[in-house]
Amino acid sequence: MRKGIDVFMTLLLYTAALSSCLVLFVILGFIFTKGVGQVSPAFILGFPRGLNAEGGIFPTIVASFYATAVAMTVVTPIGIGAAIYLSEYATGGRIVRLIRFGADTLASVPSIVFGLFGLALFVNFLHLGWSMLSGGLTLAVMALPIIMRTAEEAILAVPRSYREASFALGATKWQTIRRAVIPAAAPRILTGIILGTGRAFGETAVVLFTAGVSINLPVLLTDPGRTMTSHLYILATEGISLPTAYGTALLLIAIVLAFNYLARKLATKVR
């Protein structure tokens, strides 16, 4: 009887795992068959023409990387610093529980709420306007709980013996953190940063409300720009060009998958 239940549960778990993979492959296959004919060097490196339905999407690719780079430059030191404080310096209590509760709550907030927050704070109140800076700062707020909690769990997973051995050699607390704890936790921290980068790169509502929808190539931080996700949304909802929308979706998925692959390779290499 117990052996039969074990076999049944094993088959059930295999079926659940294969079903999730099947859904992923169906989605990827559909986007690939619809968009592969659109993707070419001219599509990737060209500029839009006409009603943005022809030509390439190079300005949207630049805007996506631009806004994401601004976000990760801002959020990475803040997130890691907060993780170090919570894991190494905080002694518990209500404030620490409140910080962790706030981070977990922010991680579950819908992206459109972050977009409205960025519109109210950065675009209107701080008068930054629709720009790469506004979009990047809002993406940083959205990615902060992901990076902070990932880094905190990575630091807490470092064995206590690492710290004790460092202290026994006469190192200070900061030297121990910098030279023993952080290097040991680096693979997981890097994984969290890259996954947060992929999450920020694939957001739509946040940049739609804060970075604008200008199709021009952004150069300065104060320039507006249309990211790939915004471009895809506009093309699909307004029915301008579905082939271009599928081509943009295919490139977007490829970049996000590359971020996930890079996260695994970096974690393995650092480890």
C-alpha atoms as a PDB file:
ATOM      1  CA  MET A   1       0.000   0.000   0.000  1.00  0.00           C
ATOM      2  CA  ARG A   2       2.725   2.458   0.984  1.00  0.00           C
ATOM      3  CA  LYS A   3       4.765   1.544  -2.098  1.00  0.00           C
ATOM      4  CA  GLY A   4       1.756   2.204  -4.311  1.00  0.00           C
ATOM      5  CA  ILE A   5       1.202   5.614  -2.733  1.00  0.00           C
ATOM      6  CA  ASP A   6       4.904   6.435  -3.185  1.00  0.00           C
ATOM      7  CA  VAL A   7       4.752   5.540  -6.897  1.00  0.00           C
ATOM      8  CA  PHE A   8       1.536   7.525  -7.341  1.00  0.00           C
ATOM      9  CA  MET A   9       2.964  10.637  -5.675  1.00  0.00           C
ATOM     10  CA  THR A  10       6.185  10.340  -7.701  1.00  0.00           C
ATOM     11  CA  LEU A  11       4.197  10.205 -10.942  1.00  0.00           C
ATOM     12  CA  LEU A  12       2.043  13.115  -9.773  1.00  0.00           C
ATOM     13  CA  LEU A  13       5.084  15.283  -9.058  1.00  0.00           C
ATOM     14  CA  TYR A  14       6.673  14.371 -12.397  1.00  0.00           C
ATOM     15  CA  THR A  15       3.423  15.271 -14.143  1.00  0.00           C
ATOM     16  CA  ALA A  16       3.289  18.647 -12.373  1.00  0.00           C
ATOM     17  CA  ALA A  17       6.890  19.414 -13.336  1.00  0.00           C
ATOM     18  CA  LEU A  18       6.391  18.364 -16.955  1.00  0.00           C
ATOM     19  CA  SER A  19       3.157  20.351 -17.181  1.00  0.00           C
ATOM     20  CA  SER A  20       4.899  23.561 -16.124  1.00  0.00           C
ATOM     21  CA  CYS A  21       7.653  22.927 -18.679  1.00  0.00           C
ATOM     22  CA  LEU A  22       5.050  22.179 -21.345  1.00  0.00           C
ATOM     23  CA  VAL A  23       3.276  25.493 -20.738  1.00  0.00           C
ATOM     24  CA  LEU A  24       6.605  27.318 -21.015  1.00  0.00           C
ATOM     25  CA  PHE A  25       7.513  25.577 -24.277  1.00  0.00           C
ATOM     26  CA  VAL A  26       4.085  26.253 -25.749  1.00  0.00           C
ATOM     27  CA  ILE A  27       4.388  29.968 -25.027  1.00  0.00           C
ATOM     28  CA  LEU A  28       7.962  30.135 -26.311  1.00  0.00           C
ATOM     29  CA  GLY A  29       7.071  28.130 -29.402  1.00  0.00           C
ATOM     30  CA  PHE A  30       4.098  30.348 -30.227  1.00  0.00           C
ATOM     31  CA  ILE A  31       6.136  33.560 -29.877  1.00  0.00           C
ATOM     32  CA  PHE A  32       9.022  32.031 -31.823  1.00  0.00           C
ATOM     33  CA  THR A  33       6.921  30.928 -34.795  1.00  0.00           C
ATOM     34  CA  LYS A  34       5.177  34.306 -34.943  1.00  0.00           C
ATOM     35  CA  GLY A  35       8.240  36.501 -34.488  1.00  0.00           C
ATOM     36  CA  VAL A  36      11.243  34.696 -35.944  1.00  0.00           C
ATOM     37  CA  GLY A  37      10.480  35.912 -39.452  1.00  0.00           C
ATOM     38  CA  GLN A  38      10.595  39.511 -38.263  1.00  0.00           C
ATOM     39  CA  VAL A  39      13.931  39.366 -36.449  1.00  0.00           C
ATOM     40  CA  SER A  40      16.957  40.387 -38.508  1.00  0.00           C
ATOM     41  CA  PRO A  41      20.016  42.639 -38.118  1.00  0.00           C
ATOM     42  CA  ALA A  42      18.062  45.473 -39.720  1.00  0.00           C
ATOM     43  CA  PHE A  43      15.234  44.936 -37.223  1.00  0.00           C
ATOM     44  CA  ILE A  44      17.597  44.971 -34.239  1.00  0.00           C
ATOM     45  CA  LEU A  45      19.829  47.860 -35.343  1.00  0.00           C
ATOM     46  CA  GLY A  46      17.356  49.931 -37.353  1.00  0.00           C
ATOM     47  CA  PHE A  47      15.138  52.854 -36.372  1.00  0.00           C
ATOM     48  CA  PRO A  48      11.323  52.846 -36.624  1.00  0.00           C
ATOM     49  CA  ARG A  49       9.692  54.373 -39.677  1.00  0.00           C
ATOM     50  CA  GLY A  50       6.223  55.481 -40.586  1.00  0.00           C
ATOM     51  CA  LEU A  51       3.838  54.848 -37.673  1.00  0.00           C
ATOM     52  CA  ASN A  52       6.607  52.922 -35.888  1.00  0.00           C
ATOM     53  CA  ALA A  53       5.284  49.808 -37.613  1.00  0.00           C
ATOM     54  CA  GLU A  54       8.216  49.519 -40.017  1.00  0.00           C
ATOM     55  CA  GLY A  55      11.966  49.538 -39.624  1.00  0.00           C
ATOM     56  CA  GLY A  56      13.758  48.454 -36.477  1.00  0.00           C
ATOM     57  CA  ILE A  57      13.508  48.796 -32.725  1.00  0.00           C
ATOM     58  CA  PHE A  58      17.038  49.884 -31.822  1.00  0.00           C
ATOM     59  CA  PRO A  59      15.922  52.958 -29.770  1.00  0.00           C
ATOM     60  CA  THR A  60      13.650  50.763 -27.632  1.00  0.00           C
ATOM     61  CA  ILE A  61      16.491  48.318 -26.932  1.00  0.00           C
ATOM     62  CA  VAL A  62      18.765  51.177 -25.861  1.00  0.00           C
ATOM     63  CA  ALA A  63      16.026  52.679 -23.675  1.00  0.00           C
ATOM     64  CA  SER A  64      15.392  49.313 -21.979  1.00  0.00           C
ATOM     65  CA  PHE A  65      19.057  48.801 -21.102  1.00  0.00           C
ATOM     66  CA  TYR A  66      19.395  52.476 -20.146  1.00  0.00           C
ATOM     67  CA  ALA A  67      16.548  52.451 -17.629  1.00  0.00           C
ATOM     68  CA  THR A  68      17.607  49.073 -16.235  1.00  0.00           C
ATOM     69  CA  ALA A  69      21.226  50.222 -15.827  1.00  0.00           C
ATOM     70  CA  VAL A  70      20.091  53.318 -13.915  1.00  0.00           C
ATOM     71  CA  ALA A  71      17.902  51.175 -11.675  1.00  0.00           C
ATOM     72  CA  MET A  72      20.574  48.595 -10.842  1.00  0.00           C
ATOM     73  CA  THR A  73      23.241  51.247 -10.263  1.00  0.00           C
ATOM     74  CA  VAL A  74      21.015  52.838  -7.642  1.00  0.00           C
ATOM     75  CA  VAL A  75      19.465  49.775  -6.016  1.00  0.00           C
ATOM     76  CA  THR A  76      22.429  47.373  -5.785  1.00  0.00           C
ATOM     77  CA  PRO A  77      24.463  49.182  -3.080  1.00  0.00           C
ATOM     78  CA  ILE A  78      21.303  50.084  -1.162  1.00  0.00           C
ATOM     79  CA  GLY A  79      19.927  46.536  -1.254  1.00  0.00           C
ATOM     80  CA  ILE A  80      23.212  44.875  -0.279  1.00  0.00           C
ATOM     81  CA  GLY A  81      23.851  47.472   2.438  1.00  0.00           C
ATOM     82  CA  ALA A  82      20.407  46.884   3.923  1.00  0.00           C
ATOM     83  CA  ALA A  83      20.979  43.119   3.785  1.00  0.00           C
ATOM     84  CA  ILE A  84      24.306  43.447   5.611  1.00  0.00           C
ATOM     85  CA  TYR A  85      22.686  45.553   8.322  1.00  0.00           C
ATOM     86  CA  LEU A  86      19.789  43.136   8.837  1.00  0.00           C
ATOM     87  CA  SER A  87      21.965  40.023   8.882  1.00  0.00           C
ATOM     88  CA  GLU A  88      25.093  41.246  10.694  1.00  0.00           C
ATOM     89  CA  TYR A  89      24.296  44.314  12.781  1.00  0.00           C
ATOM     90  CA  ALA A  90      20.593  44.255  13.663  1.00  0.00           C
ATOM     91  CA  THR A  91      19.757  42.605  16.960  1.00  0.00           C
ATOM     92  CA  GLY A  92      16.108  41.913  16.257  1.00  0.00           C
ATOM     93  CA  GLY A  93      13.117  43.720  17.636  1.00  0.00           C
ATOM     94  CA  ARG A  94      10.152  45.506  16.125  1.00  0.00           C
ATOM     95  CA  ILE A  95      12.139  47.702  13.758  1.00  0.00           C
ATOM     96  CA  VAL A  96      13.871  44.741  12.117  1.00  0.00           C
ATOM     97  CA  ARG A  97      10.587  42.833  11.838  1.00  0.00           C
ATOM     98  CA  LEU A  98       8.981  45.930  10.355  1.00  0.00           C
ATOM     99  CA  ILE A  99      11.757  46.297   7.756  1.00  0.00           C
ATOM    100  CA  ARG A 100      11.436  42.656   6.707  1.00  0.00           C
ATOM    101  CA  PHE A 101       7.656  42.889   6.598  1.00  0.00           C
ATOM    102  CA  GLY A 102       7.891  46.036   4.475  1.00  0.00           C
ATOM    103  CA  ALA A 103      10.319  44.374   2.053  1.00  0.00           C
ATOM    104  CA  ASP A 104       8.110  41.296   1.701  1.00  0.00           C
ATOM    105  CA  THR A 105       5.058  43.499   1.156  1.00  0.00           C
ATOM    106  CA  LEU A 106       6.814  45.603  -1.495  1.00  0.00           C
ATOM    107  CA  ALA A 107       7.825  42.439  -3.348  1.00  0.00           C
ATOM    108  CA  SER A 108       4.148  41.532  -3.797  1.00  0.00           C
ATOM    109  CA  VAL A 109       2.896  44.980  -4.844  1.00  0.00           C
ATOM    110  CA  PRO A 110       1.658  45.059  -8.483  1.00  0.00           C
ATOM    111  CA  SER A 111       3.972  46.862 -10.884  1.00  0.00           C
ATOM    112  CA  ILE A 112       1.270  49.322 -11.926  1.00  0.00           C
ATOM    113  CA  VAL A 113       1.227  50.635  -8.353  1.00  0.00           C
ATOM    114  CA  PHE A 114       4.961  51.291  -8.596  1.00  0.00           C
ATOM    115  CA  GLY A 115       4.321  53.057 -11.877  1.00  0.00           C
ATOM    116  CA  LEU A 116       1.729  55.369 -10.330  1.00  0.00           C
ATOM    117  CA  PHE A 117       4.066  56.001  -7.386  1.00  0.00           C
ATOM    118  CA  GLY A 118       6.909  56.943  -9.738  1.00  0.00           C
ATOM    119  CA  LEU A 119       4.589  59.171 -11.735  1.00  0.00           C
ATOM    120  CA  ALA A 120       3.495  61.018  -8.607  1.00  0.00           C
ATOM    121  CA  LEU A 121       6.914  61.284  -6.940  1.00  0.00           C
ATOM    122  CA  PHE A 122       9.607  61.470  -9.602  1.00  0.00           C
ATOM    123  CA  VAL A 123       7.724  62.798 -12.630  1.00  0.00           C
ATOM    124  CA  ASN A 124       5.425  65.334 -10.958  1.00  0.00           C
ATOM    125  CA  PHE A 125       6.610  66.136  -7.426  1.00  0.00           C
ATOM    126  CA  LEU A 126      10.373  66.172  -8.120  1.00  0.00           C
ATOM    127  CA  HIS A 127       9.818  67.592 -11.626  1.00  0.00           C
ATOM    128  CA  LEU A 128      12.056  65.037 -13.313  1.00  0.00           C
ATOM    129  CA  GLY A 129       9.504  64.583 -16.074  1.00  0.00           C
ATOM    130  CA  TRP A 130       9.184  61.514 -18.264  1.00  0.00           C
ATOM    131  CA  SER A 131      12.797  60.455 -18.492  1.00  0.00           C
ATOM    132  CA  MET A 132      15.256  57.618 -18.135  1.00  0.00           C
ATOM    133  CA  LEU A 133      16.040  58.873 -14.630  1.00  0.00           C
ATOM    134  CA  SER A 134      12.415  58.715 -13.507  1.00  0.00           C
ATOM    135  CA  GLY A 135      11.963  55.269 -15.012  1.00  0.00           C
ATOM    136  CA  GLY A 136      15.234  53.973 -13.549  1.00  0.00           C
ATOM    137  CA  LEU A 137      14.517  55.272 -10.053  1.00  0.00           C
ATOM    138  CA  THR A 138      11.053  53.721 -10.056  1.00  0.00           C
ATOM    139  CA  LEU A 139      12.465  50.407 -11.255  1.00  0.00           C
ATOM    140  CA  ALA A 140      15.024  50.655  -8.438  1.00  0.00           C
ATOM    141  CA  VAL A 141      12.242  50.968  -5.861  1.00  0.00           C
ATOM    142  CA  MET A 142      10.520  47.949  -7.379  1.00  0.00           C
ATOM    143  CA  ALA A 143      13.700  45.814  -7.442  1.00  0.00           C
ATOM    144  CA  LEU A 144      14.868  46.806  -3.937  1.00  0.00           C
ATOM    145  CA  PRO A 145      12.973  44.137  -1.934  1.00  0.00           C
ATOM    146  CA  ILE A 146      14.093  41.376  -4.323  1.00  0.00           C
ATOM    147  CA  ILE A 147      17.780  42.204  -4.058  1.00  0.00           C
ATOM    148  CA  MET A 148      17.654  43.017  -0.346  1.00  0.00           C
ATOM    149  CA  ARG A 149      15.925  39.808   0.719  1.00  0.00           C
ATOM    150  CA  THR A 150      18.020  37.635  -1.625  1.00  0.00           C
ATOM    151  CA  ALA A 151      21.250  39.154  -0.330  1.00  0.00           C
ATOM    152  CA  GLU A 152      20.108  38.808   3.282  1.00  0.00           C
ATOM    153  CA  GLU A 153      19.324  35.102   2.861  1.00  0.00           C
ATOM    154  CA  ALA A 154      22.667  34.602   1.124  1.00  0.00           C
ATOM    155  CA  ILE A 155      24.583  36.246   3.982  1.00  0.00           C
ATOM    156  CA  LEU A 156      22.649  34.335   6.642  1.00  0.00           C
ATOM    157  CA  ALA A 157      23.493  31.075   4.868  1.00  0.00           C
ATOM    158  CA  VAL A 158      27.244  31.622   5.398  1.00  0.00           C
ATOM    159  CA  PRO A 159      28.396  29.279   8.194  1.00  0.00           C
ATOM    160  CA  ARG A 160      29.101  30.844  11.570  1.00  0.00           C
ATOM    161  CA  SER A 161      32.533  29.214  11.567  1.00  0.00           C
ATOM    162  CA  TYR A 162      33.689  31.647   8.864  1.00  0.00           C
ATOM    163  CA  ARG A 163      33.064  34.576  11.188  1.00  0.00           C
ATOM    164  CA  GLU A 164      34.586  32.849  14.226  1.00  0.00           C
ATOM    165  CA  ALA A 165      37.761  31.973  12.325  1.00  0.00           C
ATOM    166  CA  SER A 166      38.109  35.554  11.090  1.00  0.00           C
ATOM    167  CA  PHE A 167      37.613  36.977  14.573  1.00  0.00           C
ATOM    168  CA  ALA A 168      40.152  34.498  15.952  1.00  0.00           C
ATOM    169  CA  LEU A 169      42.738  35.879  13.525  1.00  0.00           C
ATOM    170  CA  GLY A 170      42.185  39.393  14.884  1.00  0.00           C
ATOM    171  CA  ALA A 171      39.975  40.791  12.113  1.00  0.00           C
ATOM    172  CA  THR A 172      37.416  43.473  12.897  1.00  0.00           C
ATOM    173  CA  LYS A 173      33.720  42.975  12.252  1.00  0.00           C
ATOM    174  CA  TRP A 174      33.814  44.970   9.008  1.00  0.00           C
ATOM    175  CA  GLN A 175      36.946  43.138   7.793  1.00  0.00           C
ATOM    176  CA  THR A 176      35.183  39.853   8.520  1.00  0.00           C
ATOM    177  CA  ILE A 177      32.126  40.914   6.567  1.00  0.00           C
ATOM    178  CA  ARG A 178      34.119  42.284   3.632  1.00  0.00           C
ATOM    179  CA  ARG A 179      36.731  39.541   3.320  1.00  0.00           C
ATOM    180  CA  ALA A 180      35.008  36.412   4.604  1.00  0.00           C
ATOM    181  CA  VAL A 181      31.228  36.721   4.600  1.00  0.00           C
ATOM    182  CA  ILE A 182      30.552  38.645   1.385  1.00  0.00           C
ATOM    183  CA  PRO A 183      32.883  36.507  -0.802  1.00  0.00           C
ATOM    184  CA  ALA A 184      31.210  33.350   0.508  1.00  0.00           C
ATOM    185  CA  ALA A 185      27.740  34.779  -0.183  1.00  0.00           C
ATOM    186  CA  ALA A 186      28.703  36.345  -3.527  1.00  0.00           C
ATOM    187  CA  PRO A 187      27.227  33.624  -5.800  1.00  0.00           C
ATOM    188  CA  ARG A 188      23.734  33.952  -4.358  1.00  0.00           C
ATOM    189  CA  ILE A 189      23.993  37.743  -4.187  1.00  0.00           C
ATOM    190  CA  LEU A 190      24.988  37.902  -7.863  1.00  0.00           C
ATOM    191  CA  THR A 191      22.134  35.587  -8.754  1.00  0.00           C
ATOM    192  CA  GLY A 192      19.668  37.856  -6.977  1.00  0.00           C
ATOM    193  CA  ILE A 193      21.069  40.955  -8.689  1.00  0.00           C
ATOM    194  CA  ILE A 194      20.831  39.433 -12.153  1.00  0.00           C
ATOM    195  CA  LEU A 195      17.340  38.075 -11.548  1.00  0.00           C
ATOM    196  CA  GLY A 196      16.312  41.513 -10.294  1.00  0.00           C
ATOM    197  CA  THR A 197      17.803  42.974 -13.461  1.00  0.00           C
ATOM    198  CA  GLY A 198      15.719  40.617 -15.567  1.00  0.00           C
ATOM    199  CA  ARG A 199      12.595  41.549 -13.621  1.00  0.00           C
ATOM    200  CA  ALA A 200      13.259  45.265 -14.118  1.00  0.00           C
ATOM    201  CA  PHE A 201      14.048  44.785 -17.810  1.00  0.00           C
ATOM    202  CA  GLY A 202      10.709  43.084 -18.443  1.00  0.00           C
ATOM    203  CA  GLU A 203       8.446  45.574 -16.659  1.00  0.00           C
ATOM    204  CA  THR A 204       5.860  47.537 -18.624  1.00  0.00           C
ATOM    205  CA  ALA A 205       3.613  49.609 -16.355  1.00  0.00           C
ATOM    206  CA  VAL A 206       6.501  51.143 -14.414  1.00  0.00           C
ATOM    207  CA  VAL A 207       8.300  52.583 -17.436  1.00  0.00           C
ATOM    208  CA  LEU A 208       5.085  53.382 -19.279  1.00  0.00           C
ATOM    209  CA  PHE A 209       4.153  55.893 -16.562  1.00  0.00           C
ATOM    210  CA  THR A 210       7.631  57.240 -15.839  1.00  0.00           C
ATOM    211  CA  ALA A 211       9.961  56.921 -18.842  1.00  0.00           C
ATOM    212  CA  GLY A 212       7.428  58.014 -21.461  1.00  0.00           C
ATOM    213  CA  VAL A 213       6.723  56.616 -24.903  1.00  0.00           C
ATOM    214  CA  SER A 214       9.008  58.761 -27.065  1.00  0.00           C
ATOM    215  CA  ILE A 215      10.535  56.671 -29.832  1.00  0.00           C
ATOM    216  CA  ASN A 216      13.666  58.857 -30.027  1.00  0.00           C
ATOM    217  CA  LEU A 217      17.032  57.463 -28.967  1.00  0.00           C
ATOM    218  CA  PRO A 218      17.673  58.524 -25.330  1.00  0.00           C
ATOM    219  CA  VAL A 219      21.102  60.000 -24.617  1.00  0.00           C
ATOM    220  CA  LEU A 220      20.835  62.019 -21.402  1.00  0.00           C
ATOM    221  CA  LEU A 221      19.267  60.906 -18.137  1.00  0.00           C
ATOM    222  CA  THR A 222      16.600  63.555 -18.640  1.00  0.00           C
ATOM    223  CA  ASP A 223      15.601  62.215 -22.072  1.00  0.00           C
ATOM    224  CA  PRO A 224      12.364  60.231 -22.381  1.00  0.00           C
ATOM    225  CA  GLY A 225      12.386  56.877 -24.086  1.00  0.00           C
ATOM    226  CA  ARG A 226      10.195  53.981 -25.096  1.00  0.00           C
ATOM    227  CA  THR A 227      11.359  50.633 -23.774  1.00  0.00           C
ATOM    228  CA  MET A 228      10.784  47.332 -25.529  1.00  0.00           C
ATOM    229  CA  THR A 229       7.907  46.438 -23.218  1.00  0.00           C
ATOM    230  CA  SER A 230       6.181  49.788 -23.805  1.00  0.00           C
ATOM    231  CA  HIS A 231       6.722  49.451 -27.558  1.00  0.00           C
ATOM    232  CA  LEU A 232       5.261  45.945 -27.500  1.00  0.00           C
ATOM    233  CA  TYR A 233       2.250  47.116 -25.500  1.00  0.00           C
ATOM    234  CA  ILE A 234       1.528  50.023 -27.846  1.00  0.00           C
ATOM    235  CA  LEU A 235       1.936  47.926 -31.006  1.00  0.00           C
ATOM    236  CA  ALA A 236      -0.309  45.144 -29.719  1.00  0.00           C
ATOM    237  CA  THR A 237      -3.077  47.206 -28.111  1.00  0.00           C
ATOM    238  CA  GLU A 238      -3.398  49.744 -30.916  1.00  0.00           C
ATOM    239  CA  GLY A 239      -3.100  47.129 -33.644  1.00  0.00           C
ATOM    240  CA  ILE A 240      -0.342  49.046 -35.428  1.00  0.00           C
ATOM    241  CA  SER A 241       1.738  46.042 -36.451  1.00  0.00           C
ATOM    242  CA  LEU A 242       1.354  42.602 -34.924  1.00  0.00           C
ATOM    243  CA  PRO A 243       4.396  41.147 -36.776  1.00  0.00           C
ATOM    244  CA  THR A 244       6.598  43.867 -35.251  1.00  0.00           C
ATOM    245  CA  ALA A 245       5.005  43.189 -31.869  1.00  0.00           C
ATOM    246  CA  TYR A 246       5.798  39.473 -32.104  1.00  0.00           C
ATOM    247  CA  GLY A 247       9.371  40.230 -33.185  1.00  0.00           C
ATOM    248  CA  THR A 248       9.791  42.586 -30.230  1.00  0.00           C
ATOM    249  CA  ALA A 249       8.318  39.974 -27.877  1.00  0.00           C
ATOM    250  CA  LEU A 250      10.730  37.335 -29.171  1.00  0.00           C
ATOM    251  CA  LEU A 251      13.761  39.570 -28.585  1.00  0.00           C
ATOM    252  CA  LEU A 252      12.475  40.530 -25.150  1.00  0.00           C
ATOM    253  CA  ILE A 253      12.056  36.905 -24.110  1.00  0.00           C
ATOM    254  CA  ALA A 254      15.508  36.067 -25.467  1.00  0.00           C
ATOM    255  CA  ILE A 255      17.105  38.849 -23.405  1.00  0.00           C
ATOM    256  CA  VAL A 256      15.286  37.829 -20.218  1.00  0.00           C
ATOM    257  CA  LEU A 257      16.291  34.196 -20.744  1.00  0.00           C
ATOM    258  CA  ALA A 258      19.859  35.378 -21.263  1.00  0.00           C
ATOM    259  CA  PHE A 259      19.714  37.176 -17.901  1.00  0.00           C
ATOM    260  CA  ASN A 260      18.578  33.964 -16.195  1.00  0.00           C
ATOM    261  CA  TYR A 261      21.259  31.912 -17.938  1.00  0.00           C
ATOM    262  CA  LEU A 262      23.906  34.465 -17.001  1.00  0.00           C
ATOM    263  CA  ALA A 263      22.788  34.314 -13.378  1.00  0.00           C
ATOM    264  CA  ARG A 264      23.379  30.568 -13.266  1.00  0.00           C
ATOM    265  CA  LYS A 265      26.738  30.730 -15.040  1.00  0.00           C
ATOM    266  CA  LEU A 266      28.032  33.531 -12.832  1.00  0.00           C
ATOM    267  CA  ALA A 267      26.916  31.811  -9.670  1.00  0.00           C
ATOM    268  CA  THR A 268      28.654  28.601 -10.735  1.00  0.00           C
ATOM    269  CA  LYS A 269      31.849  30.425 -11.755  1.00  0.00           C
ATOM    270  CA  VAL A 270      32.066  32.491  -8.551  1.00  0.00           C
ATOM    271  CA  ARG A 271      31.339  29.459  -6.414  1.00  0.00           C
END
